[in-house]
Structures are given as structure tokens and as C-alpha cells.
């Protein structure tokens, strides 16, 4: 019985804390966007210098495509969360 009550208490605590975690995820997404933007800028600079070629260049371009896809996914996720928040507030 005691174990069940502890489980219920933990579940309630997590339920109340989840909105705070949701906001921190958006802050983390912004930090990821800034970091990815800096990496993309560095990749663009290397492309303009033309000092590398072959597999290194292909690897950088592949990583850049992945970063851009992840950013698009984060943006879509946050847009969906915003729409759900607006619907909940009505």
C-alpha cells in the first residue's frame, strides 16, 4: 500500500512539473538552432575558401543537411505545440 501511494505521489509531482519541462525544451531548441547556425556558417566559409574536397567535403554537406532537417523538425514540433496551447486557452 505504501509503495502504491509513493507511486501516485511521484506521478502527480511529474504531472505538475511537465509544463516547466516543456518550456525548457523550447529554450534548448533555441540553443540548438544557434549552435547549428554557427556550424552552417563555418561550413559555408570552408566552401568559399575551397580548401577541402572529397570525402571531408561530402561529410560536411551531409551533416549540414541533417542539421537543417532537424531544425525543420523542431520548428514543426514547436508550431504544433503553439497551436495546441492556443486551442487549450480558448
PDB file of N, CA and C in Angstrom:
ATOM      1  N   UNK A   1       0.818  -1.195   0.000  1.00  0.00           N
ATOM      2  CA  UNK A   1       0.000   0.000   0.000  1.00  0.00           C
ATOM      3  C   UNK A   1       0.863   1.262   0.000  1.00  0.00           C
ATOM      4  N   UNK A   2       1.908   1.214   0.809  1.00  0.00           N
ATOM      5  CA  UNK A   2       2.793   2.370   0.920  1.00  0.00           C
ATOM      6  C   UNK A   2       3.490   2.638  -0.415  1.00  0.00           C
ATOM      7  N   UNK A   3       3.867   1.544  -1.089  1.00  0.00           N
ATOM      8  CA  UNK A   3       4.526   1.668  -2.388  1.00  0.00           C
ATOM      9  C   UNK A   3       3.586   2.294  -3.419  1.00  0.00           C
ATOM     10  N   UNK A   4       2.325   1.943  -3.387  1.00  0.00           N
ATOM     11  CA  UNK A   4       1.328   2.497  -4.294  1.00  0.00           C
ATOM     12  C   UNK A   4       1.163   3.995  -4.068  1.00  0.00           C
ATOM     13  N   UNK A   5       1.099   4.401  -2.816  1.00  0.00           N
ATOM     14  CA  UNK A   5       0.956   5.830  -2.505  1.00  0.00           C
ATOM     15  C   UNK A   5       2.180   6.632  -2.961  1.00  0.00           C
ATOM     16  N   UNK A   6       3.362   6.055  -2.794  1.00  0.00           N
ATOM     17  CA  UNK A   6       4.572   6.728  -3.267  1.00  0.00           C
ATOM     18  C   UNK A   6       4.532   6.882  -4.785  1.00  0.00           C
ATOM     19  N   UNK A   7       4.068   5.843  -5.468  1.00  0.00           N
ATOM     20  CA  UNK A   7       3.965   5.901  -6.922  1.00  0.00           C
ATOM     21  C   UNK A   7       2.998   6.970  -7.385  1.00  0.00           C
ATOM     22  N   UNK A   8       1.878   7.078  -6.696  1.00  0.00           N
ATOM     23  CA  UNK A   8       0.888   8.107  -7.028  1.00  0.00           C
ATOM     24  C   UNK A   8       1.458   9.494  -6.777  1.00  0.00           C
ATOM     25  N   UNK A   9       2.170   9.669  -5.670  1.00  0.00           N
ATOM     26  CA  UNK A   9       2.765  10.967  -5.350  1.00  0.00           C
ATOM     27  C   UNK A   9       3.795  11.373  -6.406  1.00  0.00           C
ATOM     28  N   UNK A  10       4.604  10.421  -6.838  1.00  0.00           N
ATOM     29  CA  UNK A  10       5.611  10.719  -7.859  1.00  0.00           C
ATOM     30  C   UNK A  10       4.932  11.076  -9.180  1.00  0.00           C
ATOM     31  N   UNK A  11       3.880  10.346  -9.533  1.00  0.00           N
ATOM     32  CA  UNK A  11       3.159  10.631 -10.776  1.00  0.00           C
ATOM     33  C   UNK A  11       2.539  12.026 -10.747  1.00  0.00           C
ATOM     34  N   UNK A  12       1.974  12.404  -9.624  1.00  0.00           N
ATOM     35  CA  UNK A  12       1.401  13.753  -9.506  1.00  0.00           C
ATOM     36  C   UNK A  12       2.478  14.828  -9.596  1.00  0.00           C
ATOM     37  N   UNK A  13       3.598  14.594  -8.945  1.00  0.00           N
ATOM     38  CA  UNK A  13       4.687  15.571  -8.992  1.00  0.00           C
ATOM     39  C   UNK A  13       5.193  15.749 -10.420  1.00  0.00           C
ATOM     40  N   UNK A  14       5.342  14.651 -11.143  1.00  0.00           N
ATOM     41  CA  UNK A  14       5.788  14.750 -12.535  1.00  0.00           C
ATOM     42  C   UNK A  14       4.751  15.458 -13.397  1.00  0.00           C
ATOM     43  N   UNK A  15       3.480  15.203 -13.138  1.00  0.00           N
ATOM     44  CA  UNK A  15       2.411  15.855 -13.896  1.00  0.00           C
ATOM     45  C   UNK A  15       2.422  17.358 -13.725  1.00  0.00           C
ATOM     46  N   UNK A  16       2.694  17.801 -12.509  1.00  0.00           N
ATOM     47  CA  UNK A  16       2.740  19.243 -12.263  1.00  0.00           C
ATOM     48  C   UNK A  16       4.011  19.880 -12.802  1.00  0.00           C
ATOM     49  N   UNK A  17       5.074  19.111 -12.902  1.00  0.00           N
ATOM     50  CA  UNK A  17       6.354  19.652 -13.364  1.00  0.00           C
ATOM     51  C   UNK A  17       6.476  19.659 -14.879  1.00  0.00           C
ATOM     52  N   UNK A  18       5.661  18.918 -15.593  1.00  0.00           N
ATOM     53  CA  UNK A  18       5.805  18.798 -17.047  1.00  0.00           C
ATOM     54  C   UNK A  18       5.702  20.125 -17.803  1.00  0.00           C
ATOM     55  N   UNK A  19       4.806  21.044 -17.463  1.00  0.00           N
ATOM     56  CA  UNK A  19       4.794  22.317 -18.204  1.00  0.00           C
ATOM     57  C   UNK A  19       6.116  23.070 -18.113  1.00  0.00           C
ATOM     58  N   UNK A  20       6.777  22.980 -16.972  1.00  0.00           N
ATOM     59  CA  UNK A  20       8.075  23.641 -16.839  1.00  0.00           C
ATOM     60  C   UNK A  20       9.100  22.991 -17.755  1.00  0.00           C
ATOM     61  N   UNK A  21       9.057  21.664 -17.867  1.00  0.00           N
ATOM     62  CA  UNK A  21       9.976  20.968 -18.779  1.00  0.00           C
ATOM     63  C   UNK A  21       9.677  21.322 -20.224  1.00  0.00           C
ATOM     64  N   UNK A  22       8.417  21.517 -20.563  1.00  0.00           N
ATOM     65  CA  UNK A  22       8.056  21.857 -21.937  1.00  0.00           C
ATOM     66  C   UNK A  22       8.656  23.206 -22.330  1.00  0.00           C
ATOM     67  N   UNK A  23       8.619  24.165 -21.418  1.00  0.00           N
ATOM     68  CA  UNK A  23       9.212  25.467 -21.710  1.00  0.00           C
ATOM     69  C   UNK A  23      10.722  25.364 -21.857  1.00  0.00           C
ATOM     70  N   UNK A  24      11.358  24.549 -21.010  1.00  0.00           N
ATOM     71  CA  UNK A  24      12.809  24.433 -21.105  1.00  0.00           C
ATOM     72  C   UNK A  24      13.208  23.751 -22.410  1.00  0.00           C
ATOM     73  N   UNK A  25      12.352  22.877 -22.952  1.00  0.00           N
ATOM     74  CA  UNK A  25      12.655  22.252 -24.238  1.00  0.00           C
ATOM     75  C   UNK A  25      12.713  23.290 -25.345  1.00  0.00           C
ATOM     76  N   UNK A  26      11.852  24.293 -25.275  1.00  0.00           N
ATOM     77  CA  UNK A  26      11.871  25.346 -26.302  1.00  0.00           C
ATOM     78  C   UNK A  26      13.143  26.172 -26.190  1.00  0.00           C
ATOM     79  N   UNK A  27      13.599  26.397 -24.964  1.00  0.00           N
ATOM     80  CA  UNK A  27      14.860  27.118 -24.771  1.00  0.00           C
ATOM     81  C   UNK A  27      16.005  26.285 -25.332  1.00  0.00           C
ATOM     82  N   UNK A  28      15.968  24.974 -25.083  1.00  0.00           N
ATOM     83  CA  UNK A  28      17.003  24.088 -25.625  1.00  0.00           C
ATOM     84  C   UNK A  28      16.964  24.083 -27.147  1.00  0.00           C
ATOM     85  N   UNK A  29      15.759  24.140 -27.721  1.00  0.00           N
ATOM     86  CA  UNK A  29      15.641  24.180 -29.171  1.00  0.00           C
ATOM     87  C   UNK A  29      16.281  25.444 -29.732  1.00  0.00           C
ATOM     88  N   UNK A  30      16.103  26.562 -29.046  1.00  0.00           N
ATOM     89  CA  UNK A  30      16.711  27.817 -29.495  1.00  0.00           C
ATOM     90  C   UNK A  30      18.231  27.714 -29.439  1.00  0.00           C
ATOM     91  N   UNK A  31      18.740  27.123 -28.380  1.00  0.00           N
ATOM     92  CA  UNK A  31      20.192  26.953 -28.262  1.00  0.00           C
ATOM     93  C   UNK A  31      20.715  26.050 -29.372  1.00  0.00           C
ATOM     94  N   UNK A  32      19.970  24.988 -29.686  1.00  0.00           N
ATOM     95  CA  UNK A  32      20.373  24.096 -30.773  1.00  0.00           C
ATOM     96  C   UNK A  32      20.358  24.833 -32.106  1.00  0.00           C
ATOM     97  N   UNK A  33      19.357  25.696 -32.319  1.00  0.00           N
ATOM     98  CA  UNK A  33      19.285  26.459 -33.565  1.00  0.00           C
ATOM     99  C   UNK A  33      20.483  27.376 -33.709  1.00  0.00           C
ATOM    100  N   UNK A  34      20.885  28.019 -32.618  1.00  0.00           N
ATOM    101  CA  UNK A  34      22.039  28.927 -32.659  1.00  0.00           C
ATOM    102  C   UNK A  34      23.311  28.144 -32.950  1.00  0.00           C
ATOM    103  N   UNK A  35      23.472  27.011 -32.281  1.00  0.00           N
ATOM    104  CA  UNK A  35      24.665  26.185 -32.495  1.00  0.00           C
ATOM    105  C   UNK A  35      24.720  25.667 -33.939  1.00  0.00           C
ATOM    106  N   UNK A  36      23.575  25.218 -34.445  1.00  0.00           N
ATOM    107  CA  UNK A  36      23.535  24.719 -35.819  1.00  0.00           C
ATOM    108  C   UNK A  36      23.810  25.824 -36.828  1.00  0.00           C
ATOM    109  N   UNK A  37      23.304  27.013 -36.549  1.00  0.00           N
ATOM    110  CA  UNK A  37      23.540  28.143 -37.443  1.00  0.00           C
ATOM    111  C   UNK A  37      25.029  28.485 -37.496  1.00  0.00           C
ATOM    112  N   UNK A  38      25.682  28.435 -36.345  1.00  0.00           N
ATOM    113  CA  UNK A  38      27.120  28.714 -36.312  1.00  0.00           C
ATOM    114  C   UNK A  38      27.896  27.661 -37.110  1.00  0.00           C
ATOM    115  N   UNK A  39      27.507  26.396 -36.966  1.00  0.00           N
ATOM    116  CA  UNK A  39      28.180  25.335 -37.724  1.00  0.00           C
ATOM    117  C   UNK A  39      27.942  25.493 -39.221  1.00  0.00           C
ATOM    118  N   UNK A  40      26.723  25.885 -39.599  1.00  0.00           N
ATOM    119  CA  UNK A  40      26.427  26.093 -41.012  1.00  0.00           C
ATOM    120  C   UNK A  40      27.255  27.237 -41.582  1.00  0.00           C
ATOM    121  N   UNK A  41      27.423  28.291 -40.794  1.00  0.00           N
ATOM    122  CA  UNK A  41      28.226  29.424 -41.237  1.00  0.00           C
ATOM    123  C   UNK A  41      29.683  29.006 -41.436  1.00  0.00           C
ATOM    124  N   UNK A  42      30.186  28.197 -40.509  1.00  0.00           N
ATOM    125  CA  UNK A  42      31.561  27.709 -40.647  1.00  0.00           C
ATOM    126  C   UNK A  42      31.701  26.828 -41.894  1.00  0.00           C
ATOM    127  N   UNK A  43      30.703  25.993 -42.139  1.00  0.00           N
ATOM    128  CA  UNK A  43      30.741  25.149 -43.341  1.00  0.00           C
ATOM    129  C   UNK A  43      30.707  25.990 -44.612  1.00  0.00           C
ATOM    130  N   UNK A  44      29.879  27.037 -44.611  1.00  0.00           N
ATOM    131  CA  UNK A  44      29.813  27.916 -45.779  1.00  0.00           C
ATOM    132  C   UNK A  44      31.147  28.611 -46.019  1.00  0.00           C
ATOM    133  N   UNK A  45      31.815  29.012 -44.927  1.00  0.00           N
ATOM    134  CA  UNK A  45      33.117  29.660 -45.062  1.00  0.00           C
ATOM    135  C   UNK A  45      34.143  28.697 -45.658  1.00  0.00           C
ATOM    136  N   UNK A  46      34.107  27.436 -45.209  1.00  0.00           N
ATOM    137  CA  UNK A  46      35.038  26.453 -45.770  1.00  0.00           C
ATOM    138  C   UNK A  46      34.756  26.220 -47.249  1.00  0.00           C
ATOM    139  N   UNK A  47      33.478  26.247 -47.628  1.00  0.00           N
ATOM    140  CA  UNK A  47      33.138  26.073 -49.040  1.00  0.00           C
ATOM    141  C   UNK A  47      33.669  27.225 -49.884  1.00  0.00           C
ATOM    142  N   UNK A  48      33.585  28.444 -49.351  1.00  0.00           N
ATOM    143  CA  UNK A  48      34.067  29.608 -50.105  1.00  0.00           C
ATOM    144  C   UNK A  48      35.580  29.583 -50.252  1.00  0.00           C
ATOM    145  N   UNK A  49      36.279  29.075 -49.219  1.00  0.00           N
ATOM    146  CA  UNK A  49      37.737  29.005 -49.308  1.00  0.00           C
ATOM    147  C   UNK A  49      38.163  27.935 -50.295  1.00  0.00           C
ATOM    148  N   UNK A  50      37.372  26.872 -50.399  1.00  0.00           N
ATOM    149  CA  UNK A  50      37.696  25.806 -51.346  1.00  0.00           C
ATOM    150  C   UNK A  50      38.945  25.029 -50.993  1.00  0.00           C
ATOM    151  N   UNK A  51      39.263  24.937 -49.709  1.00  0.00           N
ATOM    152  CA  UNK A  51      40.495  24.264 -49.306  1.00  0.00           C
ATOM    153  C   UNK A  51      40.334  22.768 -49.125  1.00  0.00           C
ATOM    154  N   UNK A  52      39.098  22.273 -49.062  1.00  0.00           N
ATOM    155  CA  UNK A  52      38.910  20.841 -48.871  1.00  0.00           C
ATOM    156  C   UNK A  52      38.124  20.259 -50.030  1.00  0.00           C
ATOM    157  N   UNK A  53      38.222  18.951 -50.164  1.00  0.00           N
ATOM    158  CA  UNK A  53      37.482  18.295 -51.233  1.00  0.00           C
ATOM    159  C   UNK A  53      37.289  16.834 -50.852  1.00  0.00           C
ATOM    160  N   UNK A  54      36.574  16.128 -51.675  1.00  0.00           N
ATOM    161  CA  UNK A  54      36.420  14.694 -51.476  1.00  0.00           C
ATOM    162  C   UNK A  54      35.513  14.333 -50.322  1.00  0.00           C
ATOM    163  N   UNK A  55      35.967  13.355 -49.547  1.00  0.00           N
ATOM    164  CA  UNK A  55      35.105  12.797 -48.502  1.00  0.00           C
ATOM    165  C   UNK A  55      34.833  13.781 -47.371  1.00  0.00           C
ATOM    166  N   UNK A  56      35.806  14.607 -47.025  1.00  0.00           N
ATOM    167  CA  UNK A  56      35.604  15.579 -45.953  1.00  0.00           C
ATOM    168  C   UNK A  56      34.493  16.560 -46.315  1.00  0.00           C
ATOM    169  N   UNK A  57      34.529  17.023 -47.530  1.00  0.00           N
ATOM    170  CA  UNK A  57      33.502  17.962 -48.002  1.00  0.00           C
ATOM    171  C   UNK A  57      32.138  17.276 -48.050  1.00  0.00           C
ATOM    172  N   UNK A  58      32.084  16.061 -48.547  1.00  0.00           N
ATOM    173  CA  UNK A  58      30.817  15.326 -48.622  1.00  0.00           C
ATOM    174  C   UNK A  58      30.250  15.079 -47.222  1.00  0.00           C
ATOM    175  N   UNK A  59      31.135  14.778 -46.285  1.00  0.00           N
ATOM    176  CA  UNK A  59      30.701  14.539 -44.905  1.00  0.00           C
ATOM    177  C   UNK A  59      30.121  15.817 -44.294  1.00  0.00           C
ATOM    178  N   UNK A  60      30.791  16.950 -44.529  1.00  0.00           N
ATOM    179  CA  UNK A  60      30.279  18.229 -44.016  1.00  0.00           C
ATOM    180  C   UNK A  60      28.917  18.549 -44.607  1.00  0.00           C
ATOM    181  N   UNK A  61      28.773  18.335 -45.900  1.00  0.00           N
ATOM    182  CA  UNK A  61      27.496  18.629 -46.559  1.00  0.00           C
ATOM    183  C   UNK A  61      26.389  17.718 -46.052  1.00  0.00           C
ATOM    184  N   UNK A  62      26.711  16.462 -45.787  1.00  0.00           N
ATOM    185  CA  UNK A  62      25.717  15.530 -45.246  1.00  0.00           C
ATOM    186  C   UNK A  62      25.293  15.959 -43.845  1.00  0.00           C
ATOM    187  N   UNK A  63      26.268  16.360 -43.030  1.00  0.00           N
ATOM    188  CA  UNK A  63      25.940  16.814 -41.677  1.00  0.00           C
ATOM    189  C   UNK A  63      25.085  18.085 -41.717  1.00  0.00           C
ATOM    190  N   UNK A  64      25.379  18.954 -42.673  1.00  0.00           N
ATOM    191  CA  UNK A  64      24.604  20.187 -42.802  1.00  0.00           C
ATOM    192  C   UNK A  64      23.158  19.874 -43.177  1.00  0.00           C
ATOM    193  N   UNK A  65      22.968  18.919 -44.073  1.00  0.00           N
ATOM    194  CA  UNK A  65      21.607  18.524 -44.449  1.00  0.00           C
ATOM    195  C   UNK A  65      20.854  17.951 -43.253  1.00  0.00           C
ATOM    196  N   UNK A  66      21.543  17.162 -42.440  1.00  0.00           N
ATOM    197  CA  UNK A  66      20.915  16.594 -41.242  1.00  0.00           C
ATOM    198  C   UNK A  66      20.547  17.697 -40.261  1.00  0.00           C
ATOM    199  N   UNK A  67      21.468  18.656 -40.049  1.00  0.00           N
ATOM    200  CA  UNK A  67      21.176  19.771 -39.131  1.00  0.00           C
ATOM    201  C   UNK A  67      19.964  20.557 -39.606  1.00  0.00           C
ATOM    202  N   UNK A  68      19.894  20.826 -40.901  1.00  0.00           N
ATOM    203  CA  UNK A  68      18.765  21.583 -41.435  1.00  0.00           C
ATOM    204  C   UNK A  68      17.459  20.809 -41.293  1.00  0.00           C
ATOM    205  N   UNK A  69      17.505  19.496 -41.492  1.00  0.00           N
ATOM    206  CA  UNK A  69      16.301  18.676 -41.332  1.00  0.00           C
ATOM    207  C   UNK A  69      15.856  18.642 -39.871  1.00  0.00           C
ATOM    208  N   UNK A  70      16.812  18.541 -38.962  1.00  0.00           N
ATOM    209  CA  UNK A  70      16.463  18.538 -37.536  1.00  0.00           C
ATOM    210  C   UNK A  70      15.856  19.875 -37.115  1.00  0.00           C
ATOM    211  N   UNK A  71      16.390  20.972 -37.652  1.00  0.00           N
ATOM    212  CA  UNK A  71      15.842  22.295 -37.332  1.00  0.00           C
ATOM    213  C   UNK A  71      14.406  22.403 -37.832  1.00  0.00           C
ATOM    214  N   UNK A  72      14.172  21.922 -39.032  1.00  0.00           N
ATOM    215  CA  UNK A  72      12.825  21.960 -39.595  1.00  0.00           C
ATOM    216  C   UNK A  72      11.868  21.130 -38.733  1.00  0.00           C
ATOM    217  N   UNK A  73      12.332  19.987 -38.260  1.00  0.00           N
ATOM    218  CA  UNK A  73      11.513  19.136 -37.398  1.00  0.00           C
ATOM    219  C   UNK A  73      11.210  19.828 -36.079  1.00  0.00           C
ATOM    220  N   UNK A  74      12.219  20.469 -35.486  1.00  0.00           N
ATOM    221  CA  UNK A  74      11.990  21.194 -34.224  1.00  0.00           C
ATOM    222  C   UNK A  74      10.994  22.329 -34.423  1.00  0.00           C
ATOM    223  N   UNK A  75      11.135  23.047 -35.534  1.00  0.00           N
ATOM    224  CA  UNK A  75      10.208  24.147 -35.811  1.00  0.00           C
ATOM    225  C   UNK A  75       8.779  23.637 -35.974  1.00  0.00           C
ATOM    226  N   UNK A  76       8.621  22.537 -36.676  1.00  0.00           N
ATOM    227  CA  UNK A  76       7.294  21.949 -36.875  1.00  0.00           C
ATOM    228  C   UNK A  76       6.705  21.511 -35.541  1.00  0.00           C
ATOM    229  N   UNK A  77       7.529  20.876 -34.706  1.00  0.00           N
ATOM    230  CA  UNK A  77       7.076  20.416 -33.387  1.00  0.00           C
ATOM    231  C   UNK A  77       6.630  21.601 -32.534  1.00  0.00           C
ATOM    232  N   UNK A  78       7.416  22.675 -32.528  1.00  0.00           N
ATOM    233  CA  UNK A  78       7.070  23.838 -31.719  1.00  0.00           C
ATOM    234  C   UNK A  78       5.827  24.546 -32.255  1.00  0.00           C
ATOM    235  N   UNK A  79       5.650  24.577 -33.577  1.00  0.00           N
ATOM    236  CA  UNK A  79       4.437  25.153 -34.158  1.00  0.00           C
ATOM    237  C   UNK A  79       3.207  24.357 -33.723  1.00  0.00           C
ATOM    238  N   UNK A  80       3.332  23.047 -33.726  1.00  0.00           N
ATOM    239  CA  UNK A  80       2.217  22.200 -33.293  1.00  0.00           C
ATOM    240  C   UNK A  80       1.908  22.426 -31.817  1.00  0.00           C
ATOM    241  N   UNK A  81       2.950  22.566 -30.996  1.00  0.00           N
ATOM    242  CA  UNK A  81       2.734  22.838 -29.573  1.00  0.00           C
ATOM    243  C   UNK A  81       2.046  24.184 -29.380  1.00  0.00           C
ATOM    244  N   UNK A  82       2.456  25.184 -30.155  1.00  0.00           N
ATOM    245  CA  UNK A  82       1.842  26.507 -30.051  1.00  0.00           C
ATOM    246  C   UNK A  82       0.357  26.445 -30.416  1.00  0.00           C
ATOM    247  N   UNK A  83       0.031  25.709 -31.468  1.00  0.00           N
ATOM    248  CA  UNK A  83      -1.372  25.579 -31.880  1.00  0.00           C
ATOM    249  C   UNK A  83      -2.188  24.882 -30.793  1.00  0.00           C
ATOM    250  N   UNK A  84      -1.614  23.857 -30.184  1.00  0.00           N
ATOM    251  CA  UNK A  84      -2.313  23.138 -29.119  1.00  0.00           C
ATOM    252  C   UNK A  84      -2.505  24.032 -27.901  1.00  0.00           C
ATOM    253  N   UNK A  85      -1.507  24.849 -27.593  1.00  0.00           N
ATOM    254  CA  UNK A  85      -1.620  25.774 -26.459  1.00  0.00           C
ATOM    255  C   UNK A  85      -2.728  26.791 -26.713  1.00  0.00           C
ATOM    256  N   UNK A  86      -2.820  27.283 -27.952  1.00  0.00           N
ATOM    257  CA  UNK A  86      -3.864  28.252 -28.292  1.00  0.00           C
ATOM    258  C   UNK A  86      -5.244  27.624 -28.180  1.00  0.00           C
ATOM    259  N   UNK A  87      -5.350  26.352 -28.603  1.00  0.00           N
ATOM    260  CA  UNK A  87      -6.639  25.672 -28.519  1.00  0.00           C
ATOM    261  C   UNK A  87      -7.035  25.411 -27.067  1.00  0.00           C
ATOM    262  N   UNK A  88      -6.057  25.121 -26.208  1.00  0.00           N
ATOM    263  CA  UNK A  88      -6.321  24.875 -24.798  1.00  0.00           C
ATOM    264  C   UNK A  88      -6.746  26.149 -24.076  1.00  0.00           C
ATOM    265  N   UNK A  89      -6.236  27.300 -24.527  1.00  0.00           N
ATOM    266  CA  UNK A  89      -6.527  28.572 -23.860  1.00  0.00           C
ATOM    267  C   UNK A  89      -7.871  29.164 -24.269  1.00  0.00           C
ATOM    268  N   UNK A  90      -8.484  28.633 -25.327  1.00  0.00           N
ATOM    269  CA  UNK A  90      -9.769  29.175 -25.772  1.00  0.00           C
ATOM    270  C   UNK A  90     -10.904  28.684 -24.937  1.00  0.00           C
TER     271      UNK A  90
END
